[in-house]
């Protein structure tokens, strides 16, 4: 098995297809085009020429970064693909992040341990309150 990484090669079709394997919310193609255009960095990991994992970084490219859409398709999980993704994410951060930059993410339930090995901490704790999120509904 050969693992290949393509940087900044994430496209609408891959984004939609890979996210769907994890049961994530779907978006219109037009919205995905805009989101990818405003992405700081993306990574696609291939296993024997098949796209099996993706991730992207959004933010201001200096002080605030948010890791988004870290997804490995089910049949390629537990094969080190997530580690390849995170290695590439941290390579990007090492070149662009300011000292003490905020790097955030929202873990899928049960995957927190994976991110902890990269130095991420769970919230809430004694120093930090709960992380929060909302899914904006334009109909309201």
C-alpha atoms as a PDB file:
ATOM      1  CA  UNK A   1       0.000   0.000   0.000  1.00  0.00           C
ATOM      2  CA  UNK A   2       1.310   3.383  -0.996  1.00  0.00           C
ATOM      3  CA  UNK A   3       0.265   6.537   0.872  1.00  0.00           C
ATOM      4  CA  UNK A   4       0.393   9.836  -1.024  1.00  0.00           C
ATOM      5  CA  UNK A   5      -0.444  13.327   0.156  1.00  0.00           C
ATOM      6  CA  UNK A   6      -1.732  16.150  -2.010  1.00  0.00           C
ATOM      7  CA  UNK A   7      -1.667  19.594  -0.471  1.00  0.00           C
ATOM      8  CA  UNK A   8      -4.337  22.159  -1.333  1.00  0.00           C
ATOM      9  CA  UNK A   9      -5.997  19.700  -3.715  1.00  0.00           C
ATOM     10  CA  UNK A  10      -9.353  19.369  -1.973  1.00  0.00           C
ATOM     11  CA  UNK A  11     -12.251  19.827  -4.376  1.00  0.00           C
ATOM     12  CA  UNK A  12     -16.033  19.844  -4.092  1.00  0.00           C
ATOM     13  CA  UNK A  13     -16.528  16.217  -5.091  1.00  0.00           C
ATOM     14  CA  UNK A  14     -13.902  14.862  -2.693  1.00  0.00           C
ATOM     15  CA  UNK A  15     -15.079  17.092   0.136  1.00  0.00           C
ATOM     16  CA  UNK A  16     -18.692  15.960  -0.222  1.00  0.00           C
ATOM     17  CA  UNK A  17     -17.923  12.283  -0.741  1.00  0.00           C
ATOM     18  CA  UNK A  18     -15.431  11.875   2.114  1.00  0.00           C
ATOM     19  CA  UNK A  19     -17.592  13.828   4.607  1.00  0.00           C
ATOM     20  CA  UNK A  20     -20.600  11.710   3.650  1.00  0.00           C
ATOM     21  CA  UNK A  21     -18.731   8.543   4.752  1.00  0.00           C
ATOM     22  CA  UNK A  22     -18.644   9.946   8.294  1.00  0.00           C
ATOM     23  CA  UNK A  23     -22.277  11.046   8.312  1.00  0.00           C
ATOM     24  CA  UNK A  24     -21.368  14.743   8.507  1.00  0.00           C
ATOM     25  CA  UNK A  25     -23.816  17.469   7.431  1.00  0.00           C
ATOM     26  CA  UNK A  26     -23.956  18.134   3.704  1.00  0.00           C
ATOM     27  CA  UNK A  27     -23.707  21.493   1.952  1.00  0.00           C
ATOM     28  CA  UNK A  28     -24.527  22.786  -1.519  1.00  0.00           C
ATOM     29  CA  UNK A  29     -21.767  22.641  -4.100  1.00  0.00           C
ATOM     30  CA  UNK A  30     -21.777  26.455  -4.351  1.00  0.00           C
ATOM     31  CA  UNK A  31     -21.254  26.792  -0.604  1.00  0.00           C
ATOM     32  CA  UNK A  32     -18.430  24.250  -0.696  1.00  0.00           C
ATOM     33  CA  UNK A  33     -16.736  26.170  -3.535  1.00  0.00           C
ATOM     34  CA  UNK A  34     -16.755  29.338  -1.409  1.00  0.00           C
ATOM     35  CA  UNK A  35     -15.599  27.487   1.706  1.00  0.00           C
ATOM     36  CA  UNK A  36     -12.695  25.857  -0.110  1.00  0.00           C
ATOM     37  CA  UNK A  37     -11.738  29.178  -1.696  1.00  0.00           C
ATOM     38  CA  UNK A  38     -11.429  30.628   1.813  1.00  0.00           C
ATOM     39  CA  UNK A  39      -9.517  27.654   3.220  1.00  0.00           C
ATOM     40  CA  UNK A  40      -5.958  28.415   4.315  1.00  0.00           C
ATOM     41  CA  UNK A  41      -4.690  24.891   3.733  1.00  0.00           C
ATOM     42  CA  UNK A  42      -6.088  21.504   2.852  1.00  0.00           C
ATOM     43  CA  UNK A  43      -4.710  18.017   2.637  1.00  0.00           C
ATOM     44  CA  UNK A  44      -5.979  14.929   0.820  1.00  0.00           C
ATOM     45  CA  UNK A  45      -4.444  11.551   1.624  1.00  0.00           C
ATOM     46  CA  UNK A  46      -4.525   8.789  -0.950  1.00  0.00           C
ATOM     47  CA  UNK A  47      -4.067   5.087  -0.372  1.00  0.00           C
ATOM     48  CA  UNK A  48      -3.137   3.342  -3.611  1.00  0.00           C
ATOM     49  CA  UNK A  49      -4.586   6.246  -5.637  1.00  0.00           C
ATOM     50  CA  UNK A  50      -7.897   6.296  -3.730  1.00  0.00           C
ATOM     51  CA  UNK A  51      -8.706   9.379  -1.638  1.00  0.00           C
ATOM     52  CA  UNK A  52      -9.185   8.106   1.908  1.00  0.00           C
ATOM     53  CA  UNK A  53      -8.728  11.147   4.145  1.00  0.00           C
ATOM     54  CA  UNK A  54      -9.083  14.917   4.167  1.00  0.00           C
ATOM     55  CA  UNK A  55      -8.631  17.904   6.422  1.00  0.00           C
ATOM     56  CA  UNK A  56      -8.456  21.646   6.130  1.00  0.00           C
ATOM     57  CA  UNK A  57      -7.436  24.683   8.145  1.00  0.00           C
ATOM     58  CA  UNK A  58      -9.377  27.942   8.300  1.00  0.00           C
ATOM     59  CA  UNK A  59      -8.497  31.113  10.187  1.00  0.00           C
ATOM     60  CA  UNK A  60      -6.478  34.312   9.993  1.00  0.00           C
ATOM     61  CA  UNK A  61      -3.194  32.526   9.148  1.00  0.00           C
ATOM     62  CA  UNK A  62      -1.278  33.964  12.085  1.00  0.00           C
ATOM     63  CA  UNK A  63      -3.015  33.988  15.478  1.00  0.00           C
ATOM     64  CA  UNK A  64      -6.170  31.894  15.042  1.00  0.00           C
ATOM     65  CA  UNK A  65      -6.484  28.565  13.253  1.00  0.00           C
ATOM     66  CA  UNK A  66      -9.329  26.081  13.245  1.00  0.00           C
ATOM     67  CA  UNK A  67      -8.806  22.538  12.045  1.00  0.00           C
ATOM     68  CA  UNK A  68     -11.901  21.394  10.166  1.00  0.00           C
ATOM     69  CA  UNK A  69     -13.184  18.349   8.360  1.00  0.00           C
ATOM     70  CA  UNK A  70     -10.630  15.807   9.544  1.00  0.00           C
ATOM     71  CA  UNK A  71     -12.170  12.688   8.033  1.00  0.00           C
ATOM     72  CA  UNK A  72     -10.796   9.254   7.198  1.00  0.00           C
ATOM     73  CA  UNK A  73     -13.158   6.899   5.373  1.00  0.00           C
ATOM     74  CA  UNK A  74     -14.188   3.932   7.536  1.00  0.00           C
ATOM     75  CA  UNK A  75     -12.283   1.257   5.600  1.00  0.00           C
ATOM     76  CA  UNK A  76      -9.011   3.208   5.930  1.00  0.00           C
ATOM     77  CA  UNK A  77      -9.264   3.985   9.641  1.00  0.00           C
ATOM     78  CA  UNK A  78      -6.650   2.627  12.058  1.00  0.00           C
ATOM     79  CA  UNK A  79      -4.054   2.538   9.260  1.00  0.00           C
ATOM     80  CA  UNK A  80      -2.132   5.698  10.196  1.00  0.00           C
ATOM     81  CA  UNK A  81      -3.969   7.977   7.745  1.00  0.00           C
ATOM     82  CA  UNK A  82      -5.076  10.318  10.539  1.00  0.00           C
ATOM     83  CA  UNK A  83      -1.469  10.606  11.688  1.00  0.00           C
ATOM     84  CA  UNK A  84      -0.393  11.536   8.142  1.00  0.00           C
ATOM     85  CA  UNK A  85      -3.102  14.196   8.061  1.00  0.00           C
ATOM     86  CA  UNK A  86      -2.078  15.684  11.411  1.00  0.00           C
ATOM     87  CA  UNK A  87       1.623  15.645  10.470  1.00  0.00           C
ATOM     88  CA  UNK A  88       0.768  17.747   7.426  1.00  0.00           C
ATOM     89  CA  UNK A  89      -1.432  20.075   9.468  1.00  0.00           C
ATOM     90  CA  UNK A  90       1.413  20.693  11.906  1.00  0.00           C
ATOM     91  CA  UNK A  91       3.914  21.252   9.085  1.00  0.00           C
ATOM     92  CA  UNK A  92       1.663  24.039   7.843  1.00  0.00           C
ATOM     93  CA  UNK A  93       1.231  25.492  11.326  1.00  0.00           C
ATOM     94  CA  UNK A  94       4.989  25.448  11.960  1.00  0.00           C
ATOM     95  CA  UNK A  95       5.474  27.732   8.949  1.00  0.00           C
ATOM     96  CA  UNK A  96       2.561  30.104   9.558  1.00  0.00           C
ATOM     97  CA  UNK A  97       1.433  30.237  13.194  1.00  0.00           C
ATOM     98  CA  UNK A  98       2.571  32.946  15.594  1.00  0.00           C
ATOM     99  CA  UNK A  99       3.990  31.948  18.969  1.00  0.00           C
ATOM    100  CA  UNK A 100       1.016  31.046  21.208  1.00  0.00           C
ATOM    101  CA  UNK A 101      -1.400  30.973  18.257  1.00  0.00           C
ATOM    102  CA  UNK A 102      -4.834  29.523  19.023  1.00  0.00           C
ATOM    103  CA  UNK A 103      -5.392  26.212  17.225  1.00  0.00           C
ATOM    104  CA  UNK A 104      -8.860  24.851  17.779  1.00  0.00           C
ATOM    105  CA  UNK A 105     -10.960  21.936  16.615  1.00  0.00           C
ATOM    106  CA  UNK A 106     -14.156  20.147  17.512  1.00  0.00           C
ATOM    107  CA  UNK A 107     -13.665  16.418  17.966  1.00  0.00           C
ATOM    108  CA  UNK A 108     -16.182  13.849  16.841  1.00  0.00           C
ATOM    109  CA  UNK A 109     -17.424  12.059  19.977  1.00  0.00           C
ATOM    110  CA  UNK A 110     -15.059   9.279  20.969  1.00  0.00           C
ATOM    111  CA  UNK A 111     -12.116  10.641  18.955  1.00  0.00           C
ATOM    112  CA  UNK A 112     -10.747  12.970  21.651  1.00  0.00           C
ATOM    113  CA  UNK A 113      -7.922  10.586  22.529  1.00  0.00           C
ATOM    114  CA  UNK A 114      -6.603  10.814  18.961  1.00  0.00           C
ATOM    115  CA  UNK A 115      -6.262  14.604  19.225  1.00  0.00           C
ATOM    116  CA  UNK A 116      -4.849  14.523  22.756  1.00  0.00           C
ATOM    117  CA  UNK A 117      -1.703  12.805  21.480  1.00  0.00           C
ATOM    118  CA  UNK A 118      -1.046  15.950  19.429  1.00  0.00           C
ATOM    119  CA  UNK A 119      -1.333  18.218  22.460  1.00  0.00           C
ATOM    120  CA  UNK A 120      -4.989  19.225  22.254  1.00  0.00           C
ATOM    121  CA  UNK A 121      -6.759  19.559  25.583  1.00  0.00           C
ATOM    122  CA  UNK A 122     -10.359  18.870  26.447  1.00  0.00           C
ATOM    123  CA  UNK A 123     -12.661  21.606  27.639  1.00  0.00           C
ATOM    124  CA  UNK A 124     -13.960  22.468  30.115  1.00  0.00           C
ATOM    125  CA  UNK A 125     -11.095  22.284  32.553  1.00  0.00           C
ATOM    126  CA  UNK A 126      -9.791  24.464  35.405  1.00  0.00           C
ATOM    127  CA  UNK A 127      -8.395  27.077  32.994  1.00  0.00           C
ATOM    128  CA  UNK A 128     -10.823  26.993  30.076  1.00  0.00           C
ATOM    129  CA  UNK A 129     -14.606  26.960  29.831  1.00  0.00           C
ATOM    130  CA  UNK A 130     -16.700  24.751  27.597  1.00  0.00           C
ATOM    131  CA  UNK A 131     -16.165  24.860  23.865  1.00  0.00           C
ATOM    132  CA  UNK A 132     -19.366  25.835  22.129  1.00  0.00           C
ATOM    133  CA  UNK A 133     -20.812  25.548  18.641  1.00  0.00           C
ATOM    134  CA  UNK A 134     -23.990  26.311  16.739  1.00  0.00           C
ATOM    135  CA  UNK A 135     -25.222  25.330  13.306  1.00  0.00           C
ATOM    136  CA  UNK A 136     -26.613  28.539  11.872  1.00  0.00           C
ATOM    137  CA  UNK A 137     -30.148  28.225  10.517  1.00  0.00           C
ATOM    138  CA  UNK A 138     -30.869  30.946   7.964  1.00  0.00           C
ATOM    139  CA  UNK A 139     -34.592  30.297   8.274  1.00  0.00           C
ATOM    140  CA  UNK A 140     -34.823  31.841  11.748  1.00  0.00           C
END
